Amino acid sequence: MVLTWHGAALMKATRKAGIQALRELAVSEILPEAQKNVPKDTGLTASSGSVTDVKNGVIIAFTSMGEGGFPLAVHLHEDFNYTPRVSGTGPKYLERPFRAKSGGAKKRVETAVAAVLR
């Protein structure tokens, strides 16, 4: 009897499944919640939100720039002295939903990897 080792392929498949699970969480839950929370003075920052694939996961980012290349998204996220015009929006618009929703990330990854291993 000959056994063929497929460890490398299995590692690749489980890694891909885990990253896909994280991507789905970012796209379906974290980004939409952050877009609700971002100050809506112009809509520029909310529309700049994106999820980008990287080698070991995903990046959720808002990239709006103001006049002269001013990093508007960062300013709105970090400035507690800024008063948004729309109630319920404001600083930490990405961090708050990330913290609230990322607790389920481990379970999502475990479920995705277990499906590959079956």
PDB file of N, CA and C in Angstrom:
ATOM      1  N   MET A   1       0.849  -1.178   0.000  1.00  0.00           N
ATOM      2  CA  MET A   1       0.000   0.000   0.000  1.00  0.00           C
ATOM      3  C   MET A   1       0.897   1.245   0.000  1.00  0.00           C
ATOM      4  N   VAL A   2       0.553   2.193  -0.845  1.00  0.00           N
ATOM      5  CA  VAL A   2       1.317   3.432  -0.947  1.00  0.00           C
ATOM      6  C   VAL A   2       0.453   4.579  -0.443  1.00  0.00           C
ATOM      7  N   LEU A   3       1.000   5.368   0.443  1.00  0.00           N
ATOM      8  CA  LEU A   3       0.317   6.572   0.923  1.00  0.00           C
ATOM      9  C   LEU A   3       0.983   7.777   0.287  1.00  0.00           C
ATOM     10  N   THR A   4       0.165   8.651  -0.228  1.00  0.00           N
ATOM     11  CA  THR A   4       0.693   9.871  -0.830  1.00  0.00           C
ATOM     12  C   THR A   4       0.385  11.031   0.097  1.00  0.00           C
ATOM     13  N   TRP A   5       1.415  11.748   0.451  1.00  0.00           N
ATOM     14  CA  TRP A   5       1.264  12.891   1.354  1.00  0.00           C
ATOM     15  C   TRP A   5       0.831  14.123   0.558  1.00  0.00           C
ATOM     16  N   HIS A   6      -0.260  14.731   1.007  1.00  0.00           N
ATOM     17  CA  HIS A   6      -0.795  15.930   0.349  1.00  0.00           C
ATOM     18  C   HIS A   6      -0.800  17.116   1.317  1.00  0.00           C
ATOM     19  N   GLY A   7       0.167  17.119   2.204  1.00  0.00           N
ATOM     20  CA  GLY A   7       0.223  18.157   3.241  1.00  0.00           C
ATOM     21  C   GLY A   7       0.301  19.568   2.702  1.00  0.00           C
ATOM     22  N   ALA A   8       1.121  19.786   1.701  1.00  0.00           N
ATOM     23  CA  ALA A   8       1.267  21.135   1.152  1.00  0.00           C
ATOM     24  C   ALA A   8      -0.054  21.627   0.543  1.00  0.00           C
ATOM     25  N   ALA A   9      -0.718  20.754  -0.177  1.00  0.00           N
ATOM     26  CA  ALA A   9      -1.997  21.125  -0.788  1.00  0.00           C
ATOM     27  C   ALA A   9      -3.055  21.374   0.287  1.00  0.00           C
ATOM     28  N   LEU A  10      -3.027  20.557   1.321  1.00  0.00           N
ATOM     29  CA  LEU A  10      -3.976  20.720   2.420  1.00  0.00           C
ATOM     30  C   LEU A  10      -3.731  22.042   3.152  1.00  0.00           C
ATOM     31  N   MET A  11      -2.467  22.365   3.401  1.00  0.00           N
ATOM     32  CA  MET A  11      -2.142  23.635   4.050  1.00  0.00           C
ATOM     33  C   MET A  11      -2.635  24.817   3.206  1.00  0.00           C
ATOM     34  N   LYS A  12      -2.420  24.725   1.911  1.00  0.00           N
ATOM     35  CA  LYS A  12      -2.845  25.796   1.008  1.00  0.00           C
ATOM     36  C   LYS A  12      -4.371  25.947   1.033  1.00  0.00           C
ATOM     37  N   ALA A  13      -5.071  24.835   0.998  1.00  0.00           N
ATOM     38  CA  ALA A  13      -6.536  24.868   0.978  1.00  0.00           C
ATOM     39  C   ALA A  13      -7.106  25.399   2.300  1.00  0.00           C
ATOM     40  N   THR A  14      -6.534  24.990   3.436  1.00  0.00           N
ATOM     41  CA  THR A  14      -7.044  25.464   4.721  1.00  0.00           C
ATOM     42  C   THR A  14      -6.740  26.952   4.906  1.00  0.00           C
ATOM     43  N   ARG A  15      -5.562  27.378   4.481  1.00  0.00           N
ATOM     44  CA  ARG A  15      -5.198  28.791   4.573  1.00  0.00           C
ATOM     45  C   ARG A  15      -6.158  29.638   3.727  1.00  0.00           C
ATOM     46  N   LYS A  16      -6.416  29.187   2.502  1.00  0.00           N
ATOM     47  CA  LYS A  16      -7.320  29.905   1.609  1.00  0.00           C
ATOM     48  C   LYS A  16      -8.720  29.994   2.220  1.00  0.00           C
ATOM     49  N   ALA A  17      -9.195  28.902   2.800  1.00  0.00           N
ATOM     50  CA  ALA A  17     -10.532  28.890   3.411  1.00  0.00           C
ATOM     51  C   ALA A  17     -10.600  29.837   4.608  1.00  0.00           C
ATOM     52  N   GLY A  18      -9.558  29.848   5.419  1.00  0.00           N
ATOM     53  CA  GLY A  18      -9.526  30.737   6.577  1.00  0.00           C
ATOM     54  C   GLY A  18      -9.521  32.194   6.180  1.00  0.00           C
ATOM     55  N   ILE A  19      -8.714  32.529   5.201  1.00  0.00           N
ATOM     56  CA  ILE A  19      -8.651  33.913   4.730  1.00  0.00           C
ATOM     57  C   ILE A  19      -9.974  34.317   4.084  1.00  0.00           C
ATOM     58  N   GLN A  20     -10.592  33.418   3.359  1.00  0.00           N
ATOM     59  CA  GLN A  20     -11.894  33.709   2.746  1.00  0.00           C
ATOM     60  C   GLN A  20     -12.953  33.966   3.821  1.00  0.00           C
ATOM     61  N   ALA A  21     -12.901  33.208   4.909  1.00  0.00           N
ATOM     62  CA  ALA A  21     -13.846  33.421   6.013  1.00  0.00           C
ATOM     63  C   ALA A  21     -13.653  34.812   6.614  1.00  0.00           C
ATOM     64  N   LEU A  22     -12.400  35.236   6.771  1.00  0.00           N
ATOM     65  CA  LEU A  22     -12.126  36.574   7.292  1.00  0.00           C
ATOM     66  C   LEU A  22     -12.602  37.647   6.318  1.00  0.00           C
ATOM     67  N   ARG A  23     -12.405  37.394   5.032  1.00  0.00           N
ATOM     68  CA  ARG A  23     -12.844  38.349   4.012  1.00  0.00           C
ATOM     69  C   ARG A  23     -14.361  38.520   4.040  1.00  0.00           C
ATOM     70  N   GLU A  24     -15.068  37.415   4.161  1.00  0.00           N
ATOM     71  CA  GLU A  24     -16.534  37.471   4.211  1.00  0.00           C
ATOM     72  C   GLU A  24     -17.007  38.262   5.429  1.00  0.00           C
ATOM     73  N   LEU A  25     -16.353  38.072   6.565  1.00  0.00           N
ATOM     74  CA  LEU A  25     -16.696  38.830   7.768  1.00  0.00           C
ATOM     75  C   LEU A  25     -16.458  40.323   7.538  1.00  0.00           C
ATOM     76  N   ALA A  26     -15.330  40.645   6.953  1.00  0.00           N
ATOM     77  CA  ALA A  26     -14.994  42.047   6.694  1.00  0.00           C
ATOM     78  C   ALA A  26     -15.989  42.692   5.738  1.00  0.00           C
ATOM     79  N   VAL A  27     -16.317  41.998   4.659  1.00  0.00           N
ATOM     80  CA  VAL A  27     -17.205  42.554   3.622  1.00  0.00           C
ATOM     81  C   VAL A  27     -18.660  42.607   4.071  1.00  0.00           C
ATOM     82  N   SER A  28     -19.122  41.563   4.750  1.00  0.00           N
ATOM     83  CA  SER A  28     -20.546  41.479   5.064  1.00  0.00           C
ATOM     84  C   SER A  28     -20.947  42.134   6.381  1.00  0.00           C
ATOM     85  N   GLU A  29     -19.996  42.275   7.312  1.00  0.00           N
ATOM     86  CA  GLU A  29     -20.373  42.806   8.621  1.00  0.00           C
ATOM     87  C   GLU A  29     -19.573  44.029   9.067  1.00  0.00           C
ATOM     88  N   ILE A  30     -18.262  43.955   9.009  1.00  0.00           N
ATOM     89  CA  ILE A  30     -17.457  45.045   9.563  1.00  0.00           C
ATOM     90  C   ILE A  30     -17.520  46.300   8.695  1.00  0.00           C
ATOM     91  N   LEU A  31     -17.251  46.181   7.409  1.00  0.00           N
ATOM     92  CA  LEU A  31     -17.264  47.353   6.533  1.00  0.00           C
ATOM     93  C   LEU A  31     -18.638  48.037   6.496  1.00  0.00           C
ATOM     94  N   PRO A  32     -19.738  47.299   6.319  1.00  0.00           N
ATOM     95  CA  PRO A  32     -21.039  47.982   6.290  1.00  0.00           C
ATOM     96  C   PRO A  32     -21.356  48.718   7.598  1.00  0.00           C
ATOM     97  N   GLU A  33     -20.989  48.138   8.722  1.00  0.00           N
ATOM     98  CA  GLU A  33     -21.235  48.787  10.014  1.00  0.00           C
ATOM     99  C   GLU A  33     -20.377  50.045  10.139  1.00  0.00           C
ATOM    100  N   ALA A  34     -19.122  49.947   9.706  1.00  0.00           N
ATOM    101  CA  ALA A  34     -18.240  51.118   9.745  1.00  0.00           C
ATOM    102  C   ALA A  34     -18.780  52.220   8.841  1.00  0.00           C
ATOM    103  N   GLN A  35     -19.315  51.853   7.676  1.00  0.00           N
ATOM    104  CA  GLN A  35     -19.870  52.851   6.762  1.00  0.00           C
ATOM    105  C   GLN A  35     -21.090  53.549   7.361  1.00  0.00           C
ATOM    106  N   LYS A  36     -21.816  52.859   8.224  1.00  0.00           N
ATOM    107  CA  LYS A  36     -22.936  53.496   8.925  1.00  0.00           C
ATOM    108  C   LYS A  36     -22.429  54.496   9.960  1.00  0.00           C
ATOM    109  N   ASN A  37     -21.285  54.169  10.592  1.00  0.00           N
ATOM    110  CA  ASN A  37     -20.755  54.976  11.687  1.00  0.00           C
ATOM    111  C   ASN A  37     -19.902  56.164  11.249  1.00  0.00           C
ATOM    112  N   VAL A  38     -19.385  56.138  10.022  1.00  0.00           N
ATOM    113  CA  VAL A  38     -18.485  57.194   9.563  1.00  0.00           C
ATOM    114  C   VAL A  38     -19.245  58.517   9.429  1.00  0.00           C
ATOM    115  N   PRO A  39     -18.629  59.638   9.832  1.00  0.00           N
ATOM    116  CA  PRO A  39     -19.303  60.924   9.654  1.00  0.00           C
ATOM    117  C   PRO A  39     -19.741  61.127   8.206  1.00  0.00           C
ATOM    118  N   LYS A  40     -20.938  61.658   8.027  1.00  0.00           N
ATOM    119  CA  LYS A  40     -21.545  61.756   6.696  1.00  0.00           C
ATOM    120  C   LYS A  40     -21.611  63.182   6.172  1.00  0.00           C
ATOM    121  N   ASP A  41     -20.723  64.031   6.622  1.00  0.00           N
ATOM    122  CA  ASP A  41     -20.782  65.427   6.193  1.00  0.00           C
ATOM    123  C   ASP A  41     -20.787  65.563   4.679  1.00  0.00           C
ATOM    124  N   THR A  42     -19.931  64.813   3.991  1.00  0.00           N
ATOM    125  CA  THR A  42     -19.891  64.882   2.529  1.00  0.00           C
ATOM    126  C   THR A  42     -20.169  63.531   1.876  1.00  0.00           C
ATOM    127  N   GLY A  43     -19.991  62.436   2.601  1.00  0.00           N
ATOM    128  CA  GLY A  43     -20.141  61.099   2.024  1.00  0.00           C
ATOM    129  C   GLY A  43     -18.852  60.583   1.423  1.00  0.00           C
ATOM    130  N   LEU A  44     -17.855  61.449   1.329  1.00  0.00           N
ATOM    131  CA  LEU A  44     -16.578  61.087   0.719  1.00  0.00           C
ATOM    132  C   LEU A  44     -15.894  59.942   1.468  1.00  0.00           C
ATOM    133  N   THR A  45     -15.865  60.026   2.778  1.00  0.00           N
ATOM    134  CA  THR A  45     -15.165  58.994   3.547  1.00  0.00           C
ATOM    135  C   THR A  45     -15.926  57.674   3.516  1.00  0.00           C
ATOM    136  N   ALA A  46     -17.229  57.700   3.690  1.00  0.00           N
ATOM    137  CA  ALA A  46     -18.001  56.449   3.667  1.00  0.00           C
ATOM    138  C   ALA A  46     -17.810  55.699   2.362  1.00  0.00           C
ATOM    139  N   SER A  47     -17.780  56.430   1.269  1.00  0.00           N
ATOM    140  CA  SER A  47     -17.633  55.772  -0.028  1.00  0.00           C
ATOM    141  C   SER A  47     -16.204  55.306  -0.302  1.00  0.00           C
ATOM    142  N   SER A  48     -15.255  55.733   0.522  1.00  0.00           N
ATOM    143  CA  SER A  48     -13.866  55.326   0.308  1.00  0.00           C
ATOM    144  C   SER A  48     -13.518  54.019   1.022  1.00  0.00           C
ATOM    145  N   GLY A  49     -14.461  53.448   1.760  1.00  0.00           N
ATOM    146  CA  GLY A  49     -14.204  52.200   2.478  1.00  0.00           C
ATOM    147  C   GLY A  49     -14.035  51.023   1.534  1.00  0.00           C
ATOM    148  N   SER A  50     -13.079  50.154   1.860  1.00  0.00           N
ATOM    149  CA  SER A  50     -12.841  48.987   1.012  1.00  0.00           C
ATOM    150  C   SER A  50     -12.218  47.858   1.807  1.00  0.00           C
ATOM    151  N   VAL A  51     -12.306  46.672   1.244  1.00  0.00           N
ATOM    152  CA  VAL A  51     -11.642  45.484   1.770  1.00  0.00           C
ATOM    153  C   VAL A  51     -10.681  45.027   0.689  1.00  0.00           C
ATOM    154  N   THR A  52      -9.413  44.902   1.047  1.00  0.00           N
ATOM    155  CA  THR A  52      -8.376  44.541   0.085  1.00  0.00           C
ATOM    156  C   THR A  52      -7.695  43.255   0.527  1.00  0.00           C
ATOM    157  N   ASP A  53      -7.529  42.333  -0.405  1.00  0.00           N
ATOM    158  CA  ASP A  53      -6.827  41.089  -0.110  1.00  0.00           C
ATOM    159  C   ASP A  53      -5.329  41.337  -0.040  1.00  0.00           C
ATOM    160  N   VAL A  54      -4.698  40.760   0.979  1.00  0.00           N
ATOM    161  CA  VAL A  54      -3.242  40.767   1.105  1.00  0.00           C
ATOM    162  C   VAL A  54      -2.800  39.325   1.338  1.00  0.00           C
ATOM    163  N   LYS A  55      -1.512  39.085   1.339  1.00  0.00           N
ATOM    164  CA  LYS A  55      -0.991  37.720   1.404  1.00  0.00           C
ATOM    165  C   LYS A  55      -1.557  36.910   2.574  1.00  0.00           C
ATOM    166  N   ASN A  56      -1.619  37.496   3.736  1.00  0.00           N
ATOM    167  CA  ASN A  56      -2.029  36.745   4.924  1.00  0.00           C
ATOM    168  C   ASN A  56      -3.377  37.156   5.488  1.00  0.00           C
ATOM    169  N   GLY A  57      -4.224  37.755   4.690  1.00  0.00           N
ATOM    170  CA  GLY A  57      -5.528  38.157   5.190  1.00  0.00           C
ATOM    171  C   GLY A  57      -6.150  39.238   4.347  1.00  0.00           C
ATOM    172  N   VAL A  58      -6.810  40.164   5.029  1.00  0.00           N
ATOM    173  CA  VAL A  58      -7.470  41.276   4.356  1.00  0.00           C
ATOM    174  C   VAL A  58      -7.217  42.563   5.143  1.00  0.00           C
ATOM    175  N   ILE A  59      -7.326  43.669   4.448  1.00  0.00           N
ATOM    176  CA  ILE A  59      -7.221  44.978   5.075  1.00  0.00           C
ATOM    177  C   ILE A  59      -8.541  45.699   4.845  1.00  0.00           C
ATOM    178  N   ILE A  60      -9.094  46.253   5.918  1.00  0.00           N
ATOM    179  CA  ILE A  60     -10.283  47.092   5.818  1.00  0.00           C
ATOM    180  C   ILE A  60      -9.780  48.525   5.994  1.00  0.00           C
ATOM    181  N   ALA A  61     -10.077  49.391   5.040  1.00  0.00           N
ATOM    182  CA  ALA A  61      -9.548  50.750   5.126  1.00  0.00           C
ATOM    183  C   ALA A  61     -10.504  51.774   4.544  1.00  0.00           C
ATOM    184  N   PHE A  62     -10.379  52.975   5.054  1.00  0.00           N
ATOM    185  CA  PHE A  62     -11.043  54.148   4.500  1.00  0.00           C
ATOM    186  C   PHE A  62      -9.927  55.085   4.067  1.00  0.00           C
ATOM    187  N   THR A  63     -10.001  55.611   2.862  1.00  0.00           N
ATOM    188  CA  THR A  63      -8.859  56.315   2.295  1.00  0.00           C
ATOM    189  C   THR A  63      -9.180  57.704   1.764  1.00  0.00           C
ATOM    190  N   SER A  64     -10.227  58.335   2.249  1.00  0.00           N
ATOM    191  CA  SER A  64     -10.571  59.652   1.716  1.00  0.00           C
ATOM    192  C   SER A  64      -9.505  60.679   2.071  1.00  0.00           C
ATOM    193  N   MET A  65      -9.271  61.570   1.122  1.00  0.00           N
ATOM    194  CA  MET A  65      -8.293  62.640   1.298  1.00  0.00           C
ATOM    195  C   MET A  65      -9.003  63.976   1.113  1.00  0.00           C
ATOM    196  N   GLY A  66      -8.622  64.930   1.931  1.00  0.00           N
ATOM    197  CA  GLY A  66      -9.173  66.271   1.821  1.00  0.00           C
ATOM    198  C   GLY A  66      -8.288  67.145   0.949  1.00  0.00           C
ATOM    199  N   GLU A  67      -8.512  68.434   1.038  1.00  0.00           N
ATOM    200  CA  GLU A  67      -7.729  69.385   0.238  1.00  0.00           C
ATOM    201  C   GLU A  67      -6.244  69.271   0.550  1.00  0.00           C
ATOM    202  N   GLY A  68      -5.434  69.353  -0.479  1.00  0.00           N
ATOM    203  CA  GLY A  68      -3.994  69.317  -0.305  1.00  0.00           C
ATOM    204  C   GLY A  68      -3.452  67.977   0.154  1.00  0.00           C
ATOM    205  N   GLY A  69      -4.237  66.905  -0.027  1.00  0.00           N
ATOM    206  CA  GLY A  69      -3.781  65.580   0.387  1.00  0.00           C
ATOM    207  C   GLY A  69      -3.960  65.311   1.876  1.00  0.00           C
ATOM    208  N   PHE A  70      -4.758  66.136   2.545  1.00  0.00           N
ATOM    209  CA  PHE A  70      -5.031  65.948   3.976  1.00  0.00           C
ATOM    210  C   PHE A  70      -5.719  64.601   4.191  1.00  0.00           C
ATOM    211  N   PRO A  71      -5.213  63.763   5.096  1.00  0.00           N
ATOM    212  CA  PRO A  71      -5.792  62.421   5.316  1.00  0.00           C
ATOM    213  C   PRO A  71      -7.123  62.505   6.086  1.00  0.00           C
ATOM    214  N   LEU A  72      -8.179  62.817   5.377  1.00  0.00           N
ATOM    215  CA  LEU A  72      -9.489  63.054   5.977  1.00  0.00           C
ATOM    216  C   LEU A  72     -10.010  61.844   6.757  1.00  0.00           C
ATOM    217  N   ALA A  73      -9.908  60.654   6.177  1.00  0.00           N
ATOM    218  CA  ALA A  73     -10.426  59.453   6.847  1.00  0.00           C
ATOM    219  C   ALA A  73      -9.750  59.231   8.194  1.00  0.00           C
ATOM    220  N   VAL A  74      -8.452  59.408   8.235  1.00  0.00           N
ATOM    221  CA  VAL A  74      -7.711  59.240   9.494  1.00  0.00           C
ATOM    222  C   VAL A  74      -8.141  60.300  10.493  1.00  0.00           C
ATOM    223  N   HIS A  75      -8.242  61.529  10.044  1.00  0.00           N
ATOM    224  CA  HIS A  75      -8.668  62.627  10.922  1.00  0.00           C
ATOM    225  C   HIS A  75     -10.043  62.339  11.529  1.00  0.00           C
ATOM    226  N   LEU A  76     -10.992  61.950  10.711  1.00  0.00           N
ATOM    227  CA  LEU A  76     -12.344  61.680  11.210  1.00  0.00           C
ATOM    228  C   LEU A  76     -12.370  60.493  12.164  1.00  0.00           C
ATOM    229  N   HIS A  77     -11.484  59.531  11.944  1.00  0.00           N
ATOM    230  CA  HIS A  77     -11.433  58.341  12.803  1.00  0.00           C
ATOM    231  C   HIS A  77     -10.828  58.657  14.160  1.00  0.00           C
ATOM    232  N   GLU A  78      -9.841  59.543  14.195  1.00  0.00           N
ATOM    233  CA  GLU A  78      -9.066  59.764  15.408  1.00  0.00           C
ATOM    234  C   GLU A  78      -9.417  61.019  16.203  1.00  0.00           C
ATOM    235  N   ASP A  79     -10.093  61.973  15.612  1.00  0.00           N
ATOM    236  CA  ASP A  79     -10.312  63.267  16.265  1.00  0.00           C
ATOM    237  C   ASP A  79     -11.581  63.279  17.123  1.00  0.00           C
ATOM    238  N   PHE A  80     -11.393  63.232  18.446  1.00  0.00           N
ATOM    239  CA  PHE A  80     -12.531  63.268  19.358  1.00  0.00           C
ATOM    240  C   PHE A  80     -13.065  64.683  19.560  1.00  0.00           C
ATOM    241  N   ASN A  81     -12.370  65.685  19.042  1.00  0.00           N
ATOM    242  CA  ASN A  81     -12.833  67.070  19.142  1.00  0.00           C
ATOM    243  C   ASN A  81     -13.750  67.446  17.984  1.00  0.00           C
ATOM    244  N   TYR A  82     -13.812  66.605  16.976  1.00  0.00           N
ATOM    245  CA  TYR A  82     -14.665  66.858  15.810  1.00  0.00           C
ATOM    246  C   TYR A  82     -16.108  66.502  16.159  1.00  0.00           C
ATOM    247  N   THR A  83     -17.035  67.355  15.812  1.00  0.00           N
ATOM    248  CA  THR A  83     -18.451  67.086  16.049  1.00  0.00           C
ATOM    249  C   THR A  83     -19.126  66.799  14.717  1.00  0.00           C
ATOM    250  N   PRO A  84     -19.510  65.543  14.485  1.00  0.00           N
ATOM    251  CA  PRO A  84     -20.157  65.210  13.210  1.00  0.00           C
ATOM    252  C   PRO A  84     -21.553  65.814  13.127  1.00  0.00           C
ATOM    253  N   ARG A  85     -22.000  66.060  11.915  1.00  0.00           N
ATOM    254  CA  ARG A  85     -23.331  66.637  11.698  1.00  0.00           C
ATOM    255  C   ARG A  85     -24.447  65.614  11.854  1.00  0.00           C
ATOM    256  N   VAL A  86     -24.120  64.331  11.675  1.00  0.00           N
ATOM    257  CA  VAL A  86     -25.132  63.280  11.756  1.00  0.00           C
ATOM    258  C   VAL A  86     -24.944  62.518  13.068  1.00  0.00           C
ATOM    259  N   SER A  87     -25.998  62.495  13.863  1.00  0.00           N
ATOM    260  CA  SER A  87     -25.961  61.799  15.146  1.00  0.00           C
ATOM    261  C   SER A  87     -25.660  60.310  14.951  1.00  0.00           C
ATOM    262  N   GLY A  88     -24.862  59.736  15.858  1.00  0.00           N
ATOM    263  CA  GLY A  88     -24.535  58.312  15.792  1.00  0.00           C
ATOM    264  C   GLY A  88     -23.302  58.002  14.970  1.00  0.00           C
ATOM    265  N   THR A  89     -22.705  59.043  14.396  1.00  0.00           N
ATOM    266  CA  THR A  89     -21.475  58.861  13.634  1.00  0.00           C
ATOM    267  C   THR A  89     -20.343  59.531  14.395  1.00  0.00           C
ATOM    268  N   GLY A  90     -19.105  59.239  14.007  1.00  0.00           N
ATOM    269  CA  GLY A  90     -18.005  59.932  14.668  1.00  0.00           C
ATOM    270  C   GLY A  90     -16.739  59.115  14.753  1.00  0.00           C
ATOM    271  N   PRO A  91     -15.860  59.514  15.668  1.00  0.00           N
ATOM    272  CA  PRO A  91     -14.549  58.879  15.788  1.00  0.00           C
ATOM    273  C   PRO A  91     -14.649  57.380  16.036  1.00  0.00           C
ATOM    274  N   LYS A  92     -13.587  56.703  15.646  1.00  0.00           N
ATOM    275  CA  LYS A  92     -13.465  55.249  15.820  1.00  0.00           C
ATOM    276  C   LYS A  92     -14.549  54.496  15.047  1.00  0.00           C
ATOM    277  N   TYR A  93     -14.977  55.076  13.923  1.00  0.00           N
ATOM    278  CA  TYR A  93     -16.045  54.479  13.120  1.00  0.00           C
ATOM    279  C   TYR A  93     -15.688  53.098  12.583  1.00  0.00           C
ATOM    280  N   LEU A  94     -14.407  52.798  12.403  1.00  0.00           N
ATOM    281  CA  LEU A  94     -13.984  51.464  11.964  1.00  0.00           C
ATOM    282  C   LEU A  94     -13.607  50.584  13.154  1.00  0.00           C
ATOM    283  N   GLU A  95     -12.931  51.156  14.100  1.00  0.00           N
ATOM    284  CA  GLU A  95     -12.468  50.382  15.254  1.00  0.00           C
ATOM    285  C   GLU A  95     -13.625  49.786  16.053  1.00  0.00           C
ATOM    286  N   ARG A  96     -14.675  50.540  16.270  1.00  0.00           N
ATOM    287  CA  ARG A  96     -15.812  50.033  17.058  1.00  0.00           C
ATOM    288  C   ARG A  96     -16.447  48.792  16.435  1.00  0.00           C
ATOM    289  N   PRO A  97     -16.832  48.803  15.154  1.00  0.00           N
ATOM    290  CA  PRO A  97     -17.406  47.576  14.597  1.00  0.00           C
ATOM    291  C   PRO A  97     -16.383  46.448  14.466  1.00  0.00           C
ATOM    292  N   PHE A  98     -15.121  46.804  14.248  1.00  0.00           N
ATOM    293  CA  PHE A  98     -14.092  45.763  14.173  1.00  0.00           C
ATOM    294  C   PHE A  98     -14.015  45.011  15.494  1.00  0.00           C
ATOM    295  N   ARG A  99     -13.963  45.744  16.584  1.00  0.00           N
ATOM    296  CA  ARG A  99     -13.904  45.102  17.910  1.00  0.00           C
ATOM    297  C   ARG A  99     -15.169  44.296  18.201  1.00  0.00           C
ATOM    298  N   ALA A 100     -16.311  44.854  17.847  1.00  0.00           N
ATOM    299  CA  ALA A 100     -17.587  44.184  18.128  1.00  0.00           C
ATOM    300  C   ALA A 100     -17.775  42.913  17.310  1.00  0.00           C
ATOM    301  N   LYS A 101     -17.347  42.922  16.062  1.00  0.00           N
ATOM    302  CA  LYS A 101     -17.606  41.797  15.153  1.00  0.00           C
ATOM    303  C   LYS A 101     -16.467  40.791  15.076  1.00  0.00           C
ATOM    304  N   SER A 102     -15.255  41.171  15.441  1.00  0.00           N
ATOM    305  CA  SER A 102     -14.123  40.269  15.241  1.00  0.00           C
ATOM    306  C   SER A 102     -14.086  39.121  16.239  1.00  0.00           C
ATOM    307  N   GLY A 103     -14.876  39.192  17.296  1.00  0.00           N
ATOM    308  CA  GLY A 103     -14.923  38.083  18.250  1.00  0.00           C
ATOM    309  C   GLY A 103     -15.385  36.784  17.605  1.00  0.00           C
ATOM    310  N   GLY A 104     -16.205  36.874  16.585  1.00  0.00           N
ATOM    311  CA  GLY A 104     -16.693  35.690  15.882  1.00  0.00           C
ATOM    312  C   GLY A 104     -15.760  35.201  14.794  1.00  0.00           C
ATOM    313  N   ALA A 105     -14.651  35.895  14.601  1.00  0.00           N
ATOM    314  CA  ALA A 105     -13.721  35.530  13.520  1.00  0.00           C
ATOM    315  C   ALA A 105     -13.126  34.148  13.739  1.00  0.00           C
ATOM    316  N   LYS A 106     -12.736  33.847  14.956  1.00  0.00           N
ATOM    317  CA  LYS A 106     -12.116  32.547  15.232  1.00  0.00           C
ATOM    318  C   LYS A 106     -13.065  31.406  14.873  1.00  0.00           C
ATOM    319  N   LYS A 107     -14.314  31.531  15.249  1.00  0.00           N
ATOM    320  CA  LYS A 107     -15.300  30.492  14.953  1.00  0.00           C
ATOM    321  C   LYS A 107     -15.507  30.357  13.444  1.00  0.00           C
ATOM    322  N   ARG A 108     -15.560  31.466  12.736  1.00  0.00           N
ATOM    323  CA  ARG A 108     -15.728  31.428  11.276  1.00  0.00           C
ATOM    324  C   ARG A 108     -14.562  30.716  10.602  1.00  0.00           C
ATOM    325  N   VAL A 109     -13.349  31.047  11.053  1.00  0.00           N
ATOM    326  CA  VAL A 109     -12.165  30.407  10.474  1.00  0.00           C
ATOM    327  C   VAL A 109     -12.163  28.923  10.794  1.00  0.00           C
ATOM    328  N   GLU A 110     -12.464  28.570  12.039  1.00  0.00           N
ATOM    329  CA  GLU A 110     -12.514  27.153  12.423  1.00  0.00           C
ATOM    330  C   GLU A 110     -13.520  26.389  11.566  1.00  0.00           C
ATOM    331  N   THR A 111     -14.676  26.964  11.349  1.00  0.00           N
ATOM    332  CA  THR A 111     -15.716  26.317  10.546  1.00  0.00           C
ATOM    333  C   THR A 111     -15.251  26.138   9.101  1.00  0.00           C
ATOM    334  N   ALA A 112     -14.631  27.166   8.542  1.00  0.00           N
ATOM    335  CA  ALA A 112     -14.156  27.092   7.151  1.00  0.00           C
ATOM    336  C   ALA A 112     -13.056  26.056   6.997  1.00  0.00           C
ATOM    337  N   VAL A 113     -12.129  26.021   7.940  1.00  0.00           N
ATOM    338  CA  VAL A 113     -11.025  25.053   7.875  1.00  0.00           C
ATOM    339  C   VAL A 113     -11.548  23.633   8.087  1.00  0.00           C
ATOM    340  N   ALA A 114     -12.488  23.475   9.014  1.00  0.00           N
ATOM    341  CA  ALA A 114     -13.060  22.142   9.257  1.00  0.00           C
ATOM    342  C   ALA A 114     -13.753  21.611   8.010  1.00  0.00           C
ATOM    343  N   ALA A 115     -14.396  22.495   7.242  1.00  0.00           N
ATOM    344  CA  ALA A 115     -15.054  22.062   6.012  1.00  0.00           C
ATOM    345  C   ALA A 115     -14.041  21.518   5.009  1.00  0.00           C
ATOM    346  N   VAL A 116     -12.860  22.111   4.976  1.00  0.00           N
ATOM    347  CA  VAL A 116     -11.808  21.625   4.054  1.00  0.00           C
ATOM    348  C   VAL A 116     -11.300  20.272   4.521  1.00  0.00           C
ATOM    349  N   LEU A 117     -11.217  20.080   5.819  1.00  0.00           N
ATOM    350  CA  LEU A 117     -10.643  18.851   6.371  1.00  0.00           C
ATOM    351  C   LEU A 117     -11.589  17.657   6.306  1.00  0.00           C
ATOM    352  N   ARG A 118     -12.850  17.891   6.024  1.00  0.00           N
ATOM    353  CA  ARG A 118     -13.807  16.773   5.950  1.00  0.00           C
ATOM    354  C   ARG A 118     -13.601  15.949   4.720  1.00  0.00           C
TER     355      ARG A 118
END
